[in-house]
Structures are given as structure tokens and as C-alpha cells.
Amino acid sequence: MKTYEEFHGNIDIKEIGKKLRELVKKEKAPFKILTGYGSTCGKSQSKQAAIKSLSKMKREQLIKGFFPGEALTQLLTEKSPYYQDKLKYQPLVKNDKDYGNEGIIFIFV
């Protein structure tokens, strides 16, 4: 699965949504992005910006789904925003070396 690493500090936070939309138009297969996975305050701004943008793209039906790598170790309920996507797409990523990595987001187009 192709990994885009530029979301880990190389793209301005305000440009993350635009860059993700460009990738979604270009990619024909699932891919993953590497974002920051924490900071001294506990949350990565790049990761939060990416999740916000991906959530919007999913509502707009531009992507089929997404979930962060840490969904591997999270007990998700039906109310979790990643629950259905994890059930549906986990077989595609279960052997991926990054599944479980807090800095990765898997995106399904």
C-alpha cells in the first residue's frame, strides 16, 4: 500500500485538506498517509486536520472510508466514527506493518 509521508510536517495545516483531495482524485487503490502522532500537548495538529478533512470527504462520498492505525488496539463501539470502516477494511490492512501505528491513517477510495 502506497504511503504519503509529506503530511508529517511538510504541508501547512491549512493545506492538508486540499492535498488530500488531490490524492483522492489521483489514487485508484487504497493508500495511507503518515501524520504526526503526538506532541507535548498530546494531539497532532496534522493528524486532526487530516481526520477532519477525511470525515468531510466521506460524507461527500469522495472516499469509501478511512481509519487511523491505532484502531487496531482500540475497542470500538457502533457509535465510533471508525467502527464500520474498520469492520469492512480491516482484512485489507491486517498484515500491514503500519497497522497499529498512531501516525498512520488508512484511506480507502
C-alpha atoms as a PDB file:
ATOM      1  CA  MET A   1       0.000   0.000   0.000  1.00  0.00           C
ATOM      2  CA  LYS A   2       1.436   3.372  -1.014  1.00  0.00           C
ATOM      3  CA  THR A   3       2.395   5.737   1.814  1.00  0.00           C
ATOM      4  CA  TYR A   4       2.450   9.514   1.559  1.00  0.00           C
ATOM      5  CA  GLU A   5       4.838  10.945   4.145  1.00  0.00           C
ATOM      6  CA  GLU A   6       4.528  14.651   3.403  1.00  0.00           C
ATOM      7  CA  PHE A   7       1.678  15.046   5.905  1.00  0.00           C
ATOM      8  CA  HIS A   8       4.224  14.652   8.695  1.00  0.00           C
ATOM      9  CA  GLY A   9       5.326  18.262   8.908  1.00  0.00           C
ATOM     10  CA  ASN A  10       5.904  19.101   5.249  1.00  0.00           C
ATOM     11  CA  ILE A  11       2.464  20.531   4.469  1.00  0.00           C
ATOM     12  CA  ASP A  12       0.953  23.560   6.161  1.00  0.00           C
ATOM     13  CA  ILE A  13      -2.005  22.553   8.335  1.00  0.00           C
ATOM     14  CA  LYS A  14      -4.312  24.767   6.244  1.00  0.00           C
ATOM     15  CA  GLU A  15      -3.289  22.921   3.056  1.00  0.00           C
ATOM     16  CA  ILE A  16      -3.872  19.356   4.281  1.00  0.00           C
ATOM     17  CA  GLY A  17      -7.466  19.153   3.070  1.00  0.00           C
ATOM     18  CA  LYS A  18      -6.522  20.441  -0.378  1.00  0.00           C
ATOM     19  CA  LYS A  19      -3.640  17.966  -0.693  1.00  0.00           C
ATOM     20  CA  LEU A  20      -5.839  15.061   0.427  1.00  0.00           C
ATOM     21  CA  ARG A  21      -8.462  15.943  -2.167  1.00  0.00           C
ATOM     22  CA  GLU A  22      -5.760  15.934  -4.871  1.00  0.00           C
ATOM     23  CA  LEU A  23      -4.583  12.487  -3.766  1.00  0.00           C
ATOM     24  CA  VAL A  24      -8.104  11.071  -3.643  1.00  0.00           C
ATOM     25  CA  LYS A  25      -8.705  12.189  -7.229  1.00  0.00           C
ATOM     26  CA  LYS A  26      -5.415  10.639  -8.343  1.00  0.00           C
ATOM     27  CA  GLU A  27      -5.367   7.339  -6.453  1.00  0.00           C
ATOM     28  CA  LYS A  28      -7.307   4.305  -7.630  1.00  0.00           C
ATOM     29  CA  ALA A  29      -6.288   1.963  -4.787  1.00  0.00           C
ATOM     30  CA  PRO A  30      -6.261   2.313  -1.000  1.00  0.00           C
ATOM     31  CA  PHE A  31      -3.336   4.291   0.385  1.00  0.00           C
ATOM     32  CA  LYS A  32      -2.061   5.598   3.683  1.00  0.00           C
ATOM     33  CA  ILE A  33      -0.680   8.846   4.972  1.00  0.00           C
ATOM     34  CA  LEU A  34       1.876   9.439   7.684  1.00  0.00           C
ATOM     35  CA  THR A  35       0.943  12.281  10.006  1.00  0.00           C
ATOM     36  CA  GLY A  36       2.367  13.494  13.251  1.00  0.00           C
ATOM     37  CA  TYR A  37       1.325  11.184  16.040  1.00  0.00           C
ATOM     38  CA  GLY A  38       1.541  13.376  19.062  1.00  0.00           C
ATOM     39  CA  SER A  39       3.269  16.282  20.638  1.00  0.00           C
ATOM     40  CA  THR A  40       3.876  17.657  24.059  1.00  0.00           C
ATOM     41  CA  CYS A  41       0.179  18.552  24.265  1.00  0.00           C
ATOM     42  CA  GLY A  42      -0.844  15.035  23.200  1.00  0.00           C
ATOM     43  CA  LYS A  43      -2.526  15.638  19.819  1.00  0.00           C
ATOM     44  CA  SER A  44      -1.045  16.058  16.385  1.00  0.00           C
ATOM     45  CA  GLN A  45      -2.426  19.047  14.534  1.00  0.00           C
ATOM     46  CA  SER A  46      -1.679  17.453  11.160  1.00  0.00           C
ATOM     47  CA  LYS A  47      -3.480  14.260  12.142  1.00  0.00           C
ATOM     48  CA  GLN A  48      -6.516  16.142  13.432  1.00  0.00           C
ATOM     49  CA  ALA A  49      -6.658  18.268  10.260  1.00  0.00           C
ATOM     50  CA  ALA A  50      -6.430  15.138   8.096  1.00  0.00           C
ATOM     51  CA  ILE A  51      -9.176  13.343  10.040  1.00  0.00           C
ATOM     52  CA  LYS A  52     -11.440  16.390   9.824  1.00  0.00           C
ATOM     53  CA  SER A  53     -10.899  16.620   6.065  1.00  0.00           C
ATOM     54  CA  LEU A  54     -11.339  12.871   5.515  1.00  0.00           C
ATOM     55  CA  SER A  55     -14.568  12.878   7.529  1.00  0.00           C
ATOM     56  CA  LYS A  56     -15.916  15.591   5.252  1.00  0.00           C
ATOM     57  CA  MET A  57     -14.808  13.713   2.135  1.00  0.00           C
ATOM     58  CA  LYS A  58     -16.518  10.567   3.376  1.00  0.00           C
ATOM     59  CA  ARG A  59     -19.778  12.469   3.924  1.00  0.00           C
ATOM     60  CA  GLU A  60     -19.396  13.842   0.369  1.00  0.00           C
ATOM     61  CA  GLN A  61     -18.774  10.258  -0.846  1.00  0.00           C
ATOM     62  CA  LEU A  62     -15.380  11.153  -2.319  1.00  0.00           C
ATOM     63  CA  ILE A  63     -13.831   8.289  -0.346  1.00  0.00           C
ATOM     64  CA  LYS A  64     -15.312   4.991   0.797  1.00  0.00           C
ATOM     65  CA  GLY A  65     -13.766   5.110   4.252  1.00  0.00           C
ATOM     66  CA  PHE A  66     -10.747   5.642   6.477  1.00  0.00           C
ATOM     67  CA  PHE A  67      -9.414   4.880   9.904  1.00  0.00           C
ATOM     68  CA  PRO A  68      -6.258   5.621  11.870  1.00  0.00           C
ATOM     69  CA  GLY A  69      -3.685   2.933  12.538  1.00  0.00           C
ATOM     70  CA  GLU A  70      -4.400   2.858  16.261  1.00  0.00           C
ATOM     71  CA  ALA A  71      -7.863   1.453  15.510  1.00  0.00           C
ATOM     72  CA  LEU A  72      -6.065  -1.905  15.785  1.00  0.00           C
ATOM     73  CA  THR A  73      -5.816  -1.591  19.559  1.00  0.00           C
ATOM     74  CA  GLN A  74      -8.980   0.407  20.227  1.00  0.00           C
ATOM     75  CA  LEU A  75     -12.170  -1.237  21.355  1.00  0.00           C
ATOM     76  CA  LEU A  76     -14.638   0.415  19.003  1.00  0.00           C
ATOM     77  CA  THR A  77     -18.371   0.585  19.541  1.00  0.00           C
ATOM     78  CA  GLU A  78     -21.052   1.084  16.929  1.00  0.00           C
ATOM     79  CA  LYS A  79     -21.026   4.791  17.785  1.00  0.00           C
ATOM     80  CA  SER A  80     -17.351   5.159  16.905  1.00  0.00           C
ATOM     81  CA  PRO A  81     -16.736   7.015  13.633  1.00  0.00           C
ATOM     82  CA  TYR A  82     -14.319   4.246  12.566  1.00  0.00           C
ATOM     83  CA  TYR A  83     -16.388   1.203  13.546  1.00  0.00           C
ATOM     84  CA  GLN A  84     -17.947   0.360  10.165  1.00  0.00           C
ATOM     85  CA  ASP A  85     -14.806   1.168   8.184  1.00  0.00           C
ATOM     86  CA  LYS A  86     -12.659  -0.992  10.446  1.00  0.00           C
ATOM     87  CA  LEU A  87     -15.062  -3.922  10.064  1.00  0.00           C
ATOM     88  CA  LYS A  88     -15.142  -3.547   6.296  1.00  0.00           C
ATOM     89  CA  TYR A  89     -11.493  -2.766   5.517  1.00  0.00           C
ATOM     90  CA  GLN A  90      -9.502  -4.435   8.287  1.00  0.00           C
ATOM     91  CA  PRO A  91      -8.870  -7.523   6.112  1.00  0.00           C
ATOM     92  CA  LEU A  92      -7.019  -5.259   3.651  1.00  0.00           C
ATOM     93  CA  VAL A  93      -4.643  -3.876   6.284  1.00  0.00           C
ATOM     94  CA  LYS A  94      -4.390  -6.571   8.955  1.00  0.00           C
ATOM     95  CA  ASN A  95      -0.925  -7.637   7.735  1.00  0.00           C
ATOM     96  CA  ASP A  96       0.316  -4.116   7.002  1.00  0.00           C
ATOM     97  CA  LYS A  97       3.406  -3.225   9.056  1.00  0.00           C
ATOM     98  CA  ASP A  98       1.849   0.151   9.916  1.00  0.00           C
ATOM     99  CA  TYR A  99      -1.424  -1.207  11.260  1.00  0.00           C
ATOM    100  CA  GLY A 100      -1.317  -0.106  14.879  1.00  0.00           C
ATOM    101  CA  ASN A 101       0.901   2.924  14.189  1.00  0.00           C
ATOM    102  CA  GLU A 102      -0.687   6.042  15.684  1.00  0.00           C
ATOM    103  CA  GLY A 103       0.791   8.234  12.966  1.00  0.00           C
ATOM    104  CA  ILE A 104      -0.818   6.405  10.050  1.00  0.00           C
ATOM    105  CA  ILE A 105      -4.251   6.900   8.518  1.00  0.00           C
ATOM    106  CA  PHE A 106      -5.525   4.314   6.036  1.00  0.00           C
ATOM    107  CA  ILE A 107      -7.707   5.724   3.247  1.00  0.00           C
ATOM    108  CA  PHE A 108      -9.990   3.665   1.015  1.00  0.00           C
ATOM    109  CA  VAL A 109     -11.065   5.088  -2.344  1.00  0.00           C
END
